[in-house]
Amino acid sequence: MTQTQVSPRDLQLLRQEVEALGEFLNRERLDRVADYDRLKLELAAIKATLQRLNPQFERVYKTTYADLVQNYDPEAKAG
């Protein structure tokens, strides 16, 4: 087994790189959470609008959703 010498400077650079990557990943995660929250609000607004336009919407939506869940095939190609 070969031993490798690592200088303190190399360790410091590696630590800085790992910290920078961690900060980047945390920002990305926060951005994804914000995107998810925005989509939830938009979906809630769309459902509320449809309910106002069609009083039977909630019943039809629940039936349609249940049917889609029952018949969902994750292997089927979208499109």
N, C-alpha and C. Protein backbone atom coordinates (compact mmCIF):
# COMPACT_ATOMS: atom_id res chain seq x y z
N MET A 1 0.84 -1.17 0.00
CA MET A 1 0.00 0.00 0.00
C MET A 1 0.89 1.23 0.00
N THR A 2 0.57 2.19 -0.84
CA THR A 2 1.38 3.39 -0.98
C THR A 2 0.81 4.50 -0.11
N GLN A 3 1.69 5.16 0.61
CA GLN A 3 1.27 6.31 1.41
C GLN A 3 1.47 7.57 0.59
N THR A 4 0.52 8.49 0.75
CA THR A 4 0.59 9.75 0.03
C THR A 4 0.71 10.88 1.04
N GLN A 5 1.61 11.78 0.75
CA GLN A 5 1.78 12.96 1.60
C GLN A 5 0.81 14.05 1.13
N VAL A 6 0.06 14.59 2.07
CA VAL A 6 -0.87 15.68 1.77
C VAL A 6 -0.46 16.86 2.62
N SER A 7 -0.24 17.97 1.94
CA SER A 7 0.20 19.16 2.66
C SER A 7 -0.98 19.82 3.36
N PRO A 8 -0.72 20.59 4.40
CA PRO A 8 -1.79 21.33 5.06
C PRO A 8 -2.51 22.28 4.10
N ARG A 9 -1.78 22.83 3.15
CA ARG A 9 -2.38 23.73 2.16
C ARG A 9 -3.39 22.96 1.29
N ASP A 10 -3.00 21.74 0.89
CA ASP A 10 -3.92 20.92 0.09
C ASP A 10 -5.18 20.59 0.88
N LEU A 11 -5.02 20.28 2.15
CA LEU A 11 -6.19 20.00 2.99
C LEU A 11 -7.09 21.22 3.12
N GLN A 12 -6.48 22.39 3.28
CA GLN A 12 -7.24 23.63 3.39
C GLN A 12 -8.03 23.89 2.11
N LEU A 13 -7.39 23.70 0.95
CA LEU A 13 -8.08 23.90 -0.33
C LEU A 13 -9.23 22.91 -0.49
N LEU A 14 -8.99 21.68 -0.10
CA LEU A 14 -10.05 20.66 -0.19
C LEU A 14 -11.21 21.02 0.74
N ARG A 15 -10.90 21.48 1.92
CA ARG A 15 -11.95 21.89 2.86
C ARG A 15 -12.76 23.04 2.29
N GLN A 16 -12.09 24.03 1.70
CA GLN A 16 -12.80 25.17 1.12
C GLN A 16 -13.70 24.72 -0.03
N GLU A 17 -13.21 23.79 -0.83
CA GLU A 17 -14.00 23.29 -1.94
C GLU A 17 -15.24 22.55 -1.44
N VAL A 18 -15.08 21.73 -0.42
CA VAL A 18 -16.22 21.00 0.14
C VAL A 18 -17.22 21.97 0.76
N GLU A 19 -16.75 22.98 1.45
CA GLU A 19 -17.66 23.98 2.04
C GLU A 19 -18.42 24.74 0.96
N ALA A 20 -17.73 25.11 -0.11
CA ALA A 20 -18.38 25.82 -1.21
C ALA A 20 -19.44 24.94 -1.87
N LEU A 21 -19.12 23.67 -2.05
CA LEU A 21 -20.09 22.75 -2.63
C LEU A 21 -21.29 22.58 -1.71
N GLY A 22 -21.06 22.50 -0.43
CA GLY A 22 -22.15 22.39 0.53
C GLY A 22 -23.06 23.61 0.49
N GLU A 23 -22.48 24.80 0.40
CA GLU A 23 -23.28 26.02 0.31
C GLU A 23 -24.10 26.04 -0.98
N PHE A 24 -23.47 25.62 -2.07
CA PHE A 24 -24.18 25.56 -3.35
C PHE A 24 -25.36 24.60 -3.27
N LEU A 25 -25.14 23.42 -2.72
CA LEU A 25 -26.22 22.43 -2.61
C LEU A 25 -27.34 22.92 -1.71
N ASN A 26 -26.99 23.63 -0.65
CA ASN A 26 -28.02 24.17 0.24
C ASN A 26 -28.87 25.22 -0.48
N ARG A 27 -28.22 26.09 -1.27
CA ARG A 27 -28.97 27.08 -2.05
C ARG A 27 -29.88 26.39 -3.05
N GLU A 28 -29.37 25.35 -3.72
CA GLU A 28 -30.18 24.60 -4.68
C GLU A 28 -31.39 23.97 -4.00
N ARG A 29 -31.18 23.40 -2.82
CA ARG A 29 -32.29 22.79 -2.08
C ARG A 29 -33.33 23.84 -1.72
N LEU A 30 -32.88 25.00 -1.26
CA LEU A 30 -33.83 26.06 -0.91
C LEU A 30 -34.59 26.54 -2.14
N ASP A 31 -33.91 26.61 -3.28
CA ASP A 31 -34.58 27.00 -4.52
C ASP A 31 -35.64 25.98 -4.90
N ARG A 32 -35.35 24.69 -4.74
CA ARG A 32 -36.32 23.64 -5.08
C ARG A 32 -37.52 23.72 -4.14
N VAL A 33 -37.28 23.98 -2.86
CA VAL A 33 -38.38 24.10 -1.90
C VAL A 33 -39.26 25.29 -2.28
N ALA A 34 -38.65 26.41 -2.65
CA ALA A 34 -39.41 27.59 -3.07
C ALA A 34 -40.23 27.30 -4.32
N ASP A 35 -39.63 26.60 -5.29
CA ASP A 35 -40.35 26.23 -6.51
C ASP A 35 -41.54 25.33 -6.19
N TYR A 36 -41.32 24.36 -5.32
CA TYR A 36 -42.39 23.45 -4.91
C TYR A 36 -43.53 24.20 -4.24
N ASP A 37 -43.21 25.12 -3.34
CA ASP A 37 -44.23 25.91 -2.65
C ASP A 37 -45.02 26.77 -3.64
N ARG A 38 -44.32 27.36 -4.62
CA ARG A 38 -44.99 28.18 -5.63
C ARG A 38 -45.95 27.32 -6.45
N LEU A 39 -45.52 26.13 -6.84
CA LEU A 39 -46.39 25.25 -7.61
C LEU A 39 -47.62 24.82 -6.80
N LYS A 40 -47.44 24.55 -5.51
CA LYS A 40 -48.59 24.19 -4.67
C LYS A 40 -49.59 25.34 -4.63
N LEU A 41 -49.11 26.58 -4.50
CA LEU A 41 -50.02 27.73 -4.48
C LEU A 41 -50.73 27.90 -5.80
N GLU A 42 -50.01 27.73 -6.90
CA GLU A 42 -50.63 27.86 -8.21
C GLU A 42 -51.70 26.79 -8.42
N LEU A 43 -51.41 25.57 -8.01
CA LEU A 43 -52.39 24.49 -8.14
C LEU A 43 -53.63 24.77 -7.29
N ALA A 44 -53.42 25.26 -6.09
CA ALA A 44 -54.55 25.59 -5.22
C ALA A 44 -55.40 26.70 -5.85
N ALA A 45 -54.76 27.69 -6.47
CA ALA A 45 -55.50 28.77 -7.12
C ALA A 45 -56.28 28.25 -8.33
N ILE A 46 -55.68 27.36 -9.09
CA ILE A 46 -56.38 26.79 -10.25
C ILE A 46 -57.59 25.98 -9.79
N LYS A 47 -57.41 25.15 -8.77
CA LYS A 47 -58.53 24.34 -8.27
C LYS A 47 -59.65 25.24 -7.73
N ALA A 48 -59.30 26.30 -7.01
CA ALA A 48 -60.31 27.21 -6.47
C ALA A 48 -61.06 27.92 -7.60
N THR A 49 -60.34 28.31 -8.63
CA THR A 49 -60.97 28.97 -9.78
C THR A 49 -61.93 28.02 -10.48
N LEU A 50 -61.49 26.79 -10.71
CA LEU A 50 -62.36 25.81 -11.36
C LEU A 50 -63.59 25.49 -10.52
N GLN A 51 -63.43 25.45 -9.22
CA GLN A 51 -64.58 25.22 -8.33
C GLN A 51 -65.59 26.35 -8.45
N ARG A 52 -65.11 27.58 -8.56
CA ARG A 52 -66.02 28.72 -8.71
C ARG A 52 -66.73 28.68 -10.06
N LEU A 53 -66.02 28.25 -11.09
CA LEU A 53 -66.61 28.22 -12.42
C LEU A 53 -67.56 27.04 -12.61
N ASN A 54 -67.30 25.94 -11.92
CA ASN A 54 -68.11 24.74 -12.07
C ASN A 54 -68.30 24.12 -10.69
N PRO A 55 -69.48 24.29 -10.09
CA PRO A 55 -69.72 23.78 -8.74
C PRO A 55 -69.52 22.27 -8.59
N GLN A 56 -69.62 21.50 -9.68
CA GLN A 56 -69.40 20.06 -9.61
C GLN A 56 -67.92 19.69 -9.74
N PHE A 57 -67.08 20.66 -9.88
CA PHE A 57 -65.66 20.40 -10.13
C PHE A 57 -65.06 19.48 -9.07
N GLU A 58 -65.29 19.76 -7.80
CA GLU A 58 -64.66 18.98 -6.73
C GLU A 58 -65.01 17.49 -6.83
N ARG A 59 -66.29 17.20 -7.08
CA ARG A 59 -66.71 15.80 -7.21
C ARG A 59 -66.07 15.15 -8.43
N VAL A 60 -66.09 15.84 -9.57
CA VAL A 60 -65.52 15.29 -10.80
C VAL A 60 -64.01 15.13 -10.65
N TYR A 61 -63.37 16.10 -10.01
CA TYR A 61 -61.92 16.04 -9.81
C TYR A 61 -61.54 14.82 -8.97
N LYS A 62 -62.25 14.61 -7.87
CA LYS A 62 -61.93 13.48 -7.00
C LYS A 62 -62.10 12.15 -7.73
N THR A 63 -63.17 12.04 -8.50
CA THR A 63 -63.41 10.82 -9.27
C THR A 63 -62.31 10.62 -10.31
N THR A 64 -61.98 11.66 -11.03
CA THR A 64 -60.95 11.58 -12.05
C THR A 64 -59.59 11.26 -11.44
N TYR A 65 -59.28 11.89 -10.34
CA TYR A 65 -58.00 11.65 -9.67
C TYR A 65 -57.90 10.19 -9.20
N ALA A 66 -58.96 9.70 -8.58
CA ALA A 66 -58.96 8.31 -8.11
C ALA A 66 -58.78 7.34 -9.27
N ASP A 67 -59.42 7.63 -10.39
CA ASP A 67 -59.28 6.78 -11.57
C ASP A 67 -57.84 6.82 -12.10
N LEU A 68 -57.26 7.99 -12.16
CA LEU A 68 -55.88 8.11 -12.64
C LEU A 68 -54.90 7.39 -11.71
N VAL A 69 -55.10 7.52 -10.42
CA VAL A 69 -54.22 6.84 -9.46
C VAL A 69 -54.35 5.33 -9.62
N GLN A 70 -55.58 4.85 -9.79
CA GLN A 70 -55.82 3.42 -9.94
C GLN A 70 -55.15 2.86 -11.18
N ASN A 71 -55.14 3.64 -12.25
CA ASN A 71 -54.64 3.15 -13.53
C ASN A 71 -53.26 3.70 -13.90
N TYR A 72 -52.60 4.34 -12.98
CA TYR A 72 -51.30 4.95 -13.27
C TYR A 72 -50.25 3.87 -13.56
N ASP A 73 -49.53 4.06 -14.64
CA ASP A 73 -48.46 3.14 -15.01
C ASP A 73 -47.17 3.94 -15.12
N PRO A 74 -46.30 3.86 -14.12
CA PRO A 74 -45.06 4.66 -14.15
C PRO A 74 -44.13 4.26 -15.29
N GLU A 75 -44.32 3.07 -15.85
CA GLU A 75 -43.48 2.61 -16.95
C GLU A 75 -43.94 3.13 -18.31
N ALA A 76 -45.19 3.61 -18.37
CA ALA A 76 -45.72 4.12 -19.63
C ALA A 76 -45.01 5.42 -19.99
N LYS A 77 -44.75 5.59 -21.27
CA LYS A 77 -44.09 6.81 -21.73
C LYS A 77 -45.09 7.96 -21.75
N ALA A 78 -44.63 9.12 -21.24
CA ALA A 78 -45.48 10.31 -21.25
C ALA A 78 -45.51 10.87 -22.66
N GLY A 79 -46.60 11.49 -23.01
CA GLY A 79 -46.61 12.16 -24.28
C GLY A 79 -47.72 11.73 -25.10
